[in-house]
Protein backbone atom coordinates (compact mmCIF):
# COMPACT_ATOMS: atom_id res chain seq x y z
CA MET A 1 33.61 133.67 22.56
CA ALA A 2 35.67 133.88 25.68
CA LYS A 3 39.39 134.16 25.44
CA GLU A 4 41.50 131.90 27.21
CA LYS A 5 43.82 133.27 29.81
CA ALA A 6 47.32 132.10 30.54
CA GLN A 7 47.69 130.37 33.83
CA ILE A 8 50.66 131.50 36.06
CA THR A 9 52.09 128.82 38.05
CA PHE A 10 54.31 129.24 41.17
CA ASP A 11 57.02 126.88 42.43
CA PHE A 12 57.34 126.90 46.17
CA SER A 13 60.06 124.28 46.54
CA GLU A 14 62.82 124.80 49.21
CA GLU A 15 65.53 124.97 46.65
CA VAL A 16 66.37 128.53 46.08
CA ASP A 17 68.58 129.41 43.06
CA PRO A 18 70.15 132.77 43.77
CA GLN A 19 70.36 134.75 40.43
CA LYS A 20 69.23 138.02 39.01
CA GLU A 21 67.94 138.59 35.79
CA PHE A 22 68.18 142.13 34.23
CA LEU A 23 66.15 143.95 31.74
CA SER A 24 68.57 142.96 29.02
CA GLY A 25 67.84 139.39 29.70
CA GLN A 26 71.31 138.53 31.18
CA THR A 27 71.18 136.48 34.03
CA ILE A 28 73.96 136.55 36.68
CA ARG A 29 74.35 134.03 39.60
CA LEU A 30 75.04 135.03 43.08
CA SER A 31 76.73 133.31 45.58
CA GLU A 32 75.88 133.38 49.30
CA LYS A 33 79.05 135.49 49.95
CA GLU A 34 78.26 138.06 47.37
CA LYS A 35 74.80 138.75 48.94
CA ARG A 36 74.53 141.98 50.86
CA PRO A 37 72.39 142.48 53.94
CA ARG A 38 69.63 145.06 53.15
CA GLY A 39 68.64 147.89 55.53
CA ARG A 40 70.45 149.77 58.12
CA LYS A 41 73.65 148.44 59.73
CA LYS A 42 73.55 147.34 63.46
CA LEU A 43 74.90 150.05 65.91
CA LYS A 44 77.70 147.63 66.93
CA GLU A 45 78.92 147.38 63.44
CA ILE A 46 78.88 151.12 62.88
CA GLU A 47 80.83 151.82 66.19
CA LEU A 48 83.54 149.38 65.18
CA GLU A 49 83.58 150.86 61.69
CA VAL A 50 84.64 154.60 61.96
CA PRO A 51 85.63 155.66 65.52
CA ILE A 52 85.65 159.37 65.90
CA GLU A 53 88.79 160.87 67.35
CA VAL A 54 87.80 164.01 69.07
CA PRO A 55 90.63 164.86 71.74
CA ASP A 56 89.81 165.09 75.53
CA ASP A 57 88.82 168.40 76.80
CA GLU A 58 92.33 169.37 78.04
CA VAL A 59 93.72 169.00 74.57
CA LEU A 60 90.65 170.45 72.91
CA PHE A 61 90.72 173.83 74.94
CA GLN A 62 94.37 174.30 74.46
CA LYS A 63 93.79 175.85 71.09
CA ALA A 64 91.27 178.58 70.78
CA TYR A 65 90.38 177.87 67.18
CA TRP A 66 90.41 174.68 65.16
CA GLY A 67 90.59 174.70 61.45
CA ILE A 68 87.71 172.73 59.33
CA SER A 69 90.16 170.40 57.96
CA GLU A 70 91.19 169.36 61.40
CA VAL A 71 87.60 168.95 62.52
CA ALA A 72 86.62 166.90 59.56
CA GLU A 73 89.77 164.68 60.41
CA MET A 74 88.60 164.24 64.04
CA PHE A 75 85.03 162.97 62.81
CA LYS A 76 86.05 161.14 59.74
CA VAL A 77 83.92 163.17 57.32
CA ASN A 78 84.32 165.32 54.47
CA ILE A 79 84.84 169.24 54.95
CA SER A 80 81.66 169.82 52.55
CA LEU A 81 79.59 167.80 54.99
CA ILE A 82 80.95 170.06 57.98
CA ARG A 83 79.87 172.97 55.98
CA PHE A 84 76.42 171.60 55.36
CA TRP A 85 75.86 170.70 58.92
CA GLU A 86 77.01 174.42 59.70
CA ASN A 87 74.35 175.82 57.41
CA GLU A 88 71.55 173.31 58.80
CA PHE A 89 72.13 173.59 62.72
CA ASP A 90 71.81 176.85 64.64
CA ILE A 91 74.06 175.74 67.25
CA LEU A 92 77.28 175.82 65.22
CA GLU A 93 78.61 179.35 64.67
CA PRO A 94 82.18 179.10 63.38
CA LYS A 95 84.27 182.16 63.04
CA LYS A 96 85.24 183.40 59.52
CA ASN A 97 88.22 185.40 58.48
CA LYS A 98 88.21 188.02 55.84
CA LYS A 99 89.08 185.29 53.17
CA GLY A 100 86.15 183.05 54.39
CA ASP A 101 88.09 180.33 56.27
CA ARG A 102 85.98 178.79 58.87
CA TYR A 103 87.49 178.40 62.43
CA PHE A 104 85.71 176.30 65.22
CA ARG A 105 85.91 176.92 68.63
CA PRO A 106 86.08 174.10 71.12
CA ILE A 107 82.45 174.47 71.97
CA ASP A 108 81.60 174.10 68.22
CA VAL A 109 83.59 171.01 68.06
CA LYS A 110 81.60 169.49 71.04
CA ASN A 111 78.33 170.58 69.18
CA LEU A 112 79.53 168.75 66.04
CA GLY A 113 80.22 165.71 68.06
CA LEU A 114 76.65 166.03 69.18
CA ILE A 115 75.26 166.38 65.80
CA HIS A 116 77.40 163.53 64.50
CA ASP A 117 76.08 161.25 67.33
CA LEU A 118 72.41 162.00 66.30
CA ILE A 119 72.89 161.58 62.54
CA ARG A 120 75.48 158.99 62.19
CA ARG A 121 75.22 156.73 65.30
CA ARG A 122 71.50 157.19 66.26
CA LYS A 123 70.30 157.37 62.72
CA PHE A 124 68.10 160.75 63.32
CA THR A 125 67.16 162.54 59.99
CA LEU A 126 68.05 166.27 59.81
CA LYS A 127 64.82 167.41 60.55
CA GLY A 128 64.72 164.83 63.63
CA ALA A 129 67.83 165.96 64.97
CA LYS A 130 66.73 169.72 64.57
CA ASP A 131 63.63 169.02 66.46
CA TYR A 132 65.43 166.99 69.10
CA LEU A 133 67.89 169.76 69.83
CA LYS A 134 65.06 172.22 70.02
CA LYS A 135 62.78 170.26 72.32
CA ASN A 136 65.57 168.72 74.66
CA LYS A 137 67.41 171.28 76.35
CA LYS A 138 69.45 168.84 78.25
CA ALA A 139 70.75 167.04 74.97
CA LYS A 140 74.15 168.37 75.28
CA GLU A 141 74.39 167.18 78.94
CA ASN A 142 73.13 163.71 77.92
CA TYR A 143 75.45 163.27 75.31
CA GLU A 144 78.36 164.38 77.53
CA MET A 145 77.40 162.06 79.99
CA ILE A 146 76.94 158.98 77.66
CA ALA A 147 80.46 160.00 76.03
CA SER A 148 82.08 159.95 79.61
CA LEU A 149 80.39 156.63 80.38
CA GLN A 150 81.56 155.14 77.12
CA LYS A 151 85.21 156.26 77.89
CA ILE A 152 84.96 154.36 81.31
CA LYS A 153 83.46 151.34 79.44
CA ILE A 154 86.47 151.32 77.06
CA PHE A 155 88.90 151.82 80.06
CA LEU A 156 87.45 148.95 82.15
CA LEU A 157 87.37 146.54 78.83
CA GLU A 158 91.16 147.16 78.39
CA LEU A 159 91.80 146.83 82.21
CA LYS A 160 89.98 143.42 81.90
CA ALA A 161 91.83 142.19 78.81
CA ASN A 162 95.10 143.08 80.49
CA LEU A 163 94.41 141.00 83.67
């Protein structure tokens, strides 16, 4: 006696009904606007989203130390993320007072810019960013060159828009 197995059929029609069924049995229809793209965002979308506001070198080096809250505002991140990056990366060495408050030198702010670029814009993992900084001794120089070229690009685009 052989048991009969239920046959599974598939419908390959062009008509797609966007809906989700949950374990509870509840079905929800999703419109095209409600669908979210999957995966990483494109680099251009990220650049438009949250531009960091690190001051120019002249303004940056006017102060000997920057507070952690000021630095967090520059990079548009939480203070806890700045503390986490400080513990993870050896190139960051902020000064601490007796109370434990962190004060970043202008060089540390520039290094944070490099770390922010690697992790947030270029999508490196923490381990990948650490390896990149160890292996590439000219990483800081390359980052500064790219940043200056981006400033020139922005200036030229503004000039073109005003013509």
